[in-house]
Protein backbone atom coordinates (compact mmCIF):
# COMPACT_ATOMS: atom_id res chain seq x y z
CA MET A 1 89.18 96.29 101.05
CA GLN A 2 91.01 93.97 98.90
CA THR A 3 93.48 91.49 99.28
CA ALA A 4 96.90 91.71 97.94
CA LYS A 5 96.16 88.61 95.49
CA GLN A 6 93.01 90.34 94.19
CA GLU A 7 94.76 93.87 93.94
CA VAL A 8 97.67 92.21 91.78
CA GLU A 9 94.69 90.48 90.11
CA GLN A 10 92.97 93.43 89.12
CA LEU A 11 95.90 94.83 88.00
CA LEU A 12 96.94 92.04 85.85
CA LYS A 13 93.59 92.65 84.14
CA ASN A 14 93.68 96.17 83.65
CA LEU A 15 97.08 95.43 81.75
CA PRO A 16 97.77 95.08 77.83
CA ASP A 17 98.00 91.14 76.82
CA ASP A 18 101.36 91.90 75.40
CA SER A 19 102.85 93.46 79.08
CA SER A 20 106.12 92.38 79.51
CA TYR A 21 107.39 91.38 83.01
CA GLU A 22 109.33 94.15 83.34
CA ASP A 23 105.95 96.07 83.02
CA ILE A 24 104.18 93.82 85.31
CA HIS A 25 107.57 94.49 87.85
CA TYR A 26 107.06 98.08 87.24
CA HIS A 27 102.82 98.61 88.30
CA LEU A 28 103.71 96.03 90.95
CA TYR A 29 106.09 98.32 92.12
CA VAL A 30 104.16 101.83 91.39
CA LEU A 31 101.10 99.72 93.49
CA GLU A 32 103.03 98.78 96.48
CA LYS A 33 104.48 102.76 96.74
CA ILE A 34 101.02 104.10 96.90
CA LYS A 35 99.51 101.34 99.33
CA ARG A 36 102.96 102.69 101.57
CA GLY A 37 102.21 106.08 101.11
CA GLN A 38 98.43 105.43 102.00
CA ARG A 39 99.47 103.58 105.11
CA SER A 40 101.45 106.50 105.96
CA ILE A 41 98.97 108.74 105.81
CA ALA A 42 96.59 106.36 107.67
CA GLU A 43 99.23 106.32 110.09
CA GLU A 44 99.67 110.01 110.48
CA ARG A 45 103.36 110.02 109.67
CA GLY A 46 102.35 111.97 106.86
CA VAL A 47 103.31 115.91 106.06
CA SER A 48 101.04 118.52 105.16
CA HIS A 49 100.93 119.94 101.48
CA GLU A 50 102.52 122.96 103.48
CA GLN A 51 105.04 121.30 104.84
CA ALA A 52 106.32 119.59 101.90
CA LYS A 53 106.20 122.91 100.33
CA GLN A 54 109.08 124.32 102.94
CA ARG A 55 110.82 121.38 102.57
CA LEU A 56 111.02 121.65 98.54
CA SER A 57 111.76 125.32 98.63
CA ARG A 58 114.87 124.63 100.54
CA TRP A 59 115.85 122.56 98.29
CA LEU A 60 114.21 124.12 94.85
CA LYS A 61 115.17 128.05 96.24
CA LEU A 62 111.60 129.59 95.66
């Protein structure tokens, strides 16, 4: 498993050279959200696909 620093280094290597600070910030934000989601799943705090569909169907009235 990579450290946070290694993940950021990899992220920066993959971005175009003309990326703005805003672009970099956005990609860091998305990376953090993905990591939080992965931690939630690992800690079994997530919901199943069926549960998600049920929750959304109440909102979307499908």
